[in-house]
Amino acid sequence: MGATDLRKSIDGLSIIVQTQFQLDPFEKALFVFCNRQMNKLKILHFDDGFWLYYHSLERNKFKWPISKEEGLKVTVEELRWLLKGY
């Protein structure tokens, strides 16, 4: 939920996970961040090291969760839909 400055990389996004989400970036989870225009995503993932995925749309926008509760409940299947359902 909300917009993130996607100029941040692994370290900056990890700090957001720790300070704003109050979660552990080393968890088995995907942390998904969207820009203000809702046309770019970054996904932070830890697996024996950090992975950072980036996806950018040319013409459309992502359907982004509105509330914190909604965002924390997104499943992997819903994330797939999010990436395809723009």
N, C-alpha and C. Protein backbone atom coordinates (compact mmCIF):
# COMPACT_ATOMS: atom_id res chain seq x y z
N MET A 1 0.83 -1.17 0.00
CA MET A 1 0.00 0.00 0.00
C MET A 1 0.87 1.23 0.00
N GLY A 2 0.36 2.26 -0.56
CA GLY A 2 1.15 3.48 -0.65
C GLY A 2 2.19 3.40 -1.75
N ALA A 3 2.85 4.51 -1.96
CA ALA A 3 3.87 4.60 -3.00
C ALA A 3 5.26 4.59 -2.37
N THR A 4 6.21 4.05 -3.11
CA THR A 4 7.60 3.98 -2.67
C THR A 4 8.48 4.60 -3.72
N ASP A 5 9.52 5.28 -3.28
CA ASP A 5 10.52 5.82 -4.19
C ASP A 5 11.33 4.64 -4.73
N LEU A 6 11.11 4.27 -5.97
CA LEU A 6 11.76 3.09 -6.53
C LEU A 6 13.20 3.33 -6.96
N ARG A 7 13.75 4.51 -6.64
CA ARG A 7 15.19 4.69 -6.83
C ARG A 7 15.96 3.90 -5.77
N LYS A 8 15.24 3.50 -4.71
CA LYS A 8 15.87 2.69 -3.66
C LYS A 8 16.18 1.31 -4.20
N SER A 9 17.27 0.76 -3.71
CA SER A 9 17.66 -0.59 -4.09
C SER A 9 17.49 -1.51 -2.89
N ILE A 10 18.24 -2.59 -2.86
CA ILE A 10 18.05 -3.62 -1.82
C ILE A 10 18.18 -3.05 -0.41
N ASP A 11 19.23 -2.30 -0.14
CA ASP A 11 19.43 -1.78 1.22
C ASP A 11 18.31 -0.83 1.64
N GLY A 12 17.94 0.09 0.77
CA GLY A 12 16.88 1.04 1.09
C GLY A 12 15.54 0.38 1.28
N LEU A 13 15.22 -0.59 0.43
CA LEU A 13 13.95 -1.30 0.57
C LEU A 13 13.94 -2.18 1.81
N SER A 14 15.08 -2.78 2.16
CA SER A 14 15.18 -3.58 3.39
C SER A 14 14.91 -2.72 4.62
N ILE A 15 15.40 -1.50 4.60
CA ILE A 15 15.16 -0.58 5.73
C ILE A 15 13.67 -0.25 5.83
N ILE A 16 13.00 -0.06 4.70
CA ILE A 16 11.55 0.18 4.71
C ILE A 16 10.83 -1.01 5.31
N VAL A 17 11.22 -2.22 4.93
CA VAL A 17 10.59 -3.44 5.47
C VAL A 17 10.74 -3.47 6.99
N GLN A 18 11.93 -3.12 7.49
CA GLN A 18 12.18 -3.16 8.93
C GLN A 18 11.49 -2.03 9.68
N THR A 19 11.59 -0.81 9.18
CA THR A 19 11.11 0.34 9.94
C THR A 19 9.62 0.63 9.73
N GLN A 20 9.15 0.59 8.50
CA GLN A 20 7.75 0.93 8.25
C GLN A 20 6.82 -0.27 8.39
N PHE A 21 7.26 -1.43 7.90
CA PHE A 21 6.42 -2.62 7.98
C PHE A 21 6.63 -3.37 9.29
N GLN A 22 7.76 -3.08 9.97
CA GLN A 22 8.15 -3.77 11.20
C GLN A 22 8.19 -5.29 10.98
N LEU A 23 8.81 -5.67 9.85
CA LEU A 23 8.97 -7.08 9.50
C LEU A 23 10.44 -7.35 9.24
N ASP A 24 10.79 -8.62 9.18
CA ASP A 24 12.16 -9.05 8.94
C ASP A 24 12.36 -9.28 7.44
N PRO A 25 13.26 -8.52 6.78
CA PRO A 25 13.46 -8.71 5.34
C PRO A 25 14.05 -10.08 4.98
N PHE A 26 14.54 -10.83 5.98
CA PHE A 26 15.11 -12.15 5.74
C PHE A 26 14.04 -13.26 5.80
N GLU A 27 12.79 -12.88 6.06
CA GLU A 27 11.70 -13.86 6.09
C GLU A 27 11.47 -14.47 4.72
N LYS A 28 10.80 -15.62 4.72
CA LYS A 28 10.39 -16.22 3.44
C LYS A 28 9.13 -15.50 2.99
N ALA A 29 9.33 -14.35 2.37
CA ALA A 29 8.21 -13.51 1.94
C ALA A 29 8.67 -12.68 0.75
N LEU A 30 7.70 -12.20 0.01
CA LEU A 30 7.97 -11.25 -1.06
C LEU A 30 7.49 -9.89 -0.59
N PHE A 31 8.34 -8.90 -0.66
CA PHE A 31 7.98 -7.54 -0.29
C PHE A 31 7.87 -6.75 -1.58
N VAL A 32 6.66 -6.27 -1.86
CA VAL A 32 6.37 -5.65 -3.15
C VAL A 32 6.16 -4.15 -2.95
N PHE A 33 6.82 -3.38 -3.79
CA PHE A 33 6.76 -1.93 -3.73
C PHE A 33 6.32 -1.37 -5.07
N CYS A 34 5.50 -0.33 -5.04
CA CYS A 34 4.96 0.28 -6.25
C CYS A 34 5.27 1.78 -6.23
N ASN A 35 5.50 2.35 -7.41
CA ASN A 35 5.73 3.79 -7.49
C ASN A 35 4.41 4.55 -7.45
N ARG A 36 4.50 5.87 -7.38
CA ARG A 36 3.31 6.73 -7.26
C ARG A 36 2.40 6.63 -8.49
N GLN A 37 2.97 6.44 -9.67
CA GLN A 37 2.18 6.35 -10.90
C GLN A 37 1.55 4.97 -11.08
N MET A 38 1.91 4.02 -10.23
CA MET A 38 1.40 2.64 -10.25
C MET A 38 1.70 1.93 -11.57
N ASN A 39 2.84 2.25 -12.16
CA ASN A 39 3.22 1.57 -13.40
C ASN A 39 4.55 0.83 -13.27
N LYS A 40 5.14 0.85 -12.08
CA LYS A 40 6.40 0.14 -11.84
C LYS A 40 6.34 -0.56 -10.50
N LEU A 41 6.91 -1.78 -10.45
CA LEU A 41 7.01 -2.55 -9.21
C LEU A 41 8.43 -3.00 -8.98
N LYS A 42 8.81 -3.10 -7.72
CA LYS A 42 10.03 -3.79 -7.31
C LYS A 42 9.62 -4.80 -6.26
N ILE A 43 10.21 -5.99 -6.35
CA ILE A 43 9.92 -7.06 -5.40
C ILE A 43 11.23 -7.48 -4.75
N LEU A 44 11.27 -7.41 -3.43
CA LEU A 44 12.44 -7.80 -2.65
C LEU A 44 12.20 -9.20 -2.09
N HIS A 45 13.17 -10.07 -2.27
CA HIS A 45 13.03 -11.48 -1.88
C HIS A 45 14.38 -11.97 -1.37
N PHE A 46 14.39 -12.66 -0.22
CA PHE A 46 15.63 -13.22 0.32
C PHE A 46 15.65 -14.73 0.14
N ASP A 47 16.76 -15.25 -0.42
CA ASP A 47 16.97 -16.69 -0.59
C ASP A 47 18.47 -16.92 -0.67
N ASP A 48 19.12 -17.10 0.47
CA ASP A 48 20.59 -17.19 0.55
C ASP A 48 21.26 -15.95 0.00
N GLY A 49 20.57 -14.86 -0.03
CA GLY A 49 20.99 -13.57 -0.57
C GLY A 49 19.75 -12.86 -1.08
N PHE A 50 19.85 -11.58 -1.29
CA PHE A 50 18.68 -10.83 -1.74
C PHE A 50 18.55 -10.85 -3.25
N TRP A 51 17.31 -10.98 -3.70
CA TRP A 51 16.92 -10.83 -5.10
C TRP A 51 16.09 -9.56 -5.17
N LEU A 52 16.25 -8.82 -6.25
CA LEU A 52 15.43 -7.64 -6.49
C LEU A 52 14.87 -7.73 -7.91
N TYR A 53 13.55 -7.87 -7.99
CA TYR A 53 12.87 -7.98 -9.28
C TYR A 53 12.26 -6.62 -9.62
N TYR A 54 12.20 -6.31 -10.91
CA TYR A 54 11.66 -5.03 -11.36
C TYR A 54 10.73 -5.28 -12.54
N HIS A 55 9.56 -4.63 -12.50
CA HIS A 55 8.61 -4.77 -13.61
C HIS A 55 8.04 -3.39 -13.92
N SER A 56 8.02 -3.03 -15.19
CA SER A 56 7.54 -1.72 -15.62
C SER A 56 6.51 -1.89 -16.72
N LEU A 57 5.40 -1.16 -16.59
CA LEU A 57 4.36 -1.18 -17.61
C LEU A 57 4.52 0.03 -18.52
N GLU A 58 4.27 -0.16 -19.79
CA GLU A 58 4.38 0.93 -20.76
C GLU A 58 3.11 1.79 -20.81
N ARG A 59 1.93 1.14 -20.74
CA ARG A 59 0.69 1.87 -20.97
C ARG A 59 -0.33 1.77 -19.84
N ASN A 60 -0.25 0.77 -19.02
CA ASN A 60 -1.28 0.52 -18.02
C ASN A 60 -0.79 0.80 -16.61
N LYS A 61 -1.67 0.54 -15.64
CA LYS A 61 -1.34 0.70 -14.23
C LYS A 61 -1.68 -0.59 -13.50
N PHE A 62 -0.96 -0.84 -12.40
CA PHE A 62 -1.25 -1.99 -11.55
C PHE A 62 -2.46 -1.69 -10.67
N LYS A 63 -3.22 -2.73 -10.32
CA LYS A 63 -4.28 -2.61 -9.33
C LYS A 63 -3.60 -2.83 -7.98
N TRP A 64 -3.48 -1.79 -7.21
CA TRP A 64 -2.67 -1.81 -6.00
C TRP A 64 -3.54 -1.84 -4.76
N PRO A 65 -3.18 -2.64 -3.71
CA PRO A 65 -3.96 -2.69 -2.46
C PRO A 65 -4.10 -1.30 -1.84
N ILE A 66 -5.26 -1.03 -1.27
CA ILE A 66 -5.54 0.29 -0.71
C ILE A 66 -5.11 0.39 0.75
N SER A 67 -5.35 -0.65 1.53
CA SER A 67 -5.04 -0.59 2.97
C SER A 67 -3.86 -1.50 3.32
N LYS A 68 -3.29 -1.26 4.48
CA LYS A 68 -2.18 -2.09 4.98
C LYS A 68 -2.63 -3.53 5.15
N GLU A 69 -3.81 -3.71 5.73
CA GLU A 69 -4.34 -5.06 5.95
C GLU A 69 -4.51 -5.80 4.63
N GLU A 70 -5.02 -5.11 3.63
CA GLU A 70 -5.21 -5.69 2.31
C GLU A 70 -3.85 -6.08 1.70
N GLY A 71 -2.88 -5.23 1.85
CA GLY A 71 -1.55 -5.48 1.30
C GLY A 71 -0.85 -6.66 1.95
N LEU A 72 -1.00 -6.82 3.26
CA LEU A 72 -0.33 -7.90 3.97
C LEU A 72 -0.95 -9.26 3.67
N LYS A 73 -2.15 -9.29 3.14
CA LYS A 73 -2.85 -10.54 2.88
C LYS A 73 -2.74 -11.02 1.43
N VAL A 74 -1.99 -10.31 0.60
CA VAL A 74 -1.86 -10.70 -0.81
C VAL A 74 -1.09 -12.01 -0.91
N THR A 75 -1.67 -12.98 -1.60
CA THR A 75 -1.03 -14.28 -1.79
C THR A 75 -0.18 -14.27 -3.06
N VAL A 76 0.61 -15.30 -3.24
CA VAL A 76 1.42 -15.41 -4.45
C VAL A 76 0.53 -15.46 -5.69
N GLU A 77 -0.59 -16.17 -5.58
CA GLU A 77 -1.52 -16.25 -6.71
C GLU A 77 -2.10 -14.88 -7.03
N GLU A 78 -2.44 -14.10 -6.01
CA GLU A 78 -2.95 -12.76 -6.23
C GLU A 78 -1.87 -11.85 -6.82
N LEU A 79 -0.63 -12.06 -6.41
CA LEU A 79 0.48 -11.29 -6.97
C LEU A 79 0.63 -11.59 -8.46
N ARG A 80 0.49 -12.86 -8.82
CA ARG A 80 0.52 -13.21 -10.25
C ARG A 80 -0.58 -12.49 -11.00
N TRP A 81 -1.77 -12.46 -10.39
CA TRP A 81 -2.89 -11.75 -11.02
C TRP A 81 -2.59 -10.25 -11.11
N LEU A 82 -2.00 -9.70 -10.05
CA LEU A 82 -1.64 -8.29 -10.03
C LEU A 82 -0.72 -7.96 -11.18
N LEU A 83 0.25 -8.83 -11.43
CA LEU A 83 1.20 -8.59 -12.50
C LEU A 83 0.57 -8.78 -13.89
N LYS A 84 -0.45 -9.62 -13.98
CA LYS A 84 -1.10 -9.86 -15.27
C LYS A 84 -2.41 -9.11 -15.42
N GLY A 85 -3.01 -8.68 -14.30
CA GLY A 85 -4.34 -8.11 -14.33
C GLY A 85 -4.40 -6.62 -14.49
N TYR A 86 -3.35 -6.02 -14.94
CA TYR A 86 -3.32 -4.57 -15.14
C TYR A 86 -4.16 -4.25 -16.28
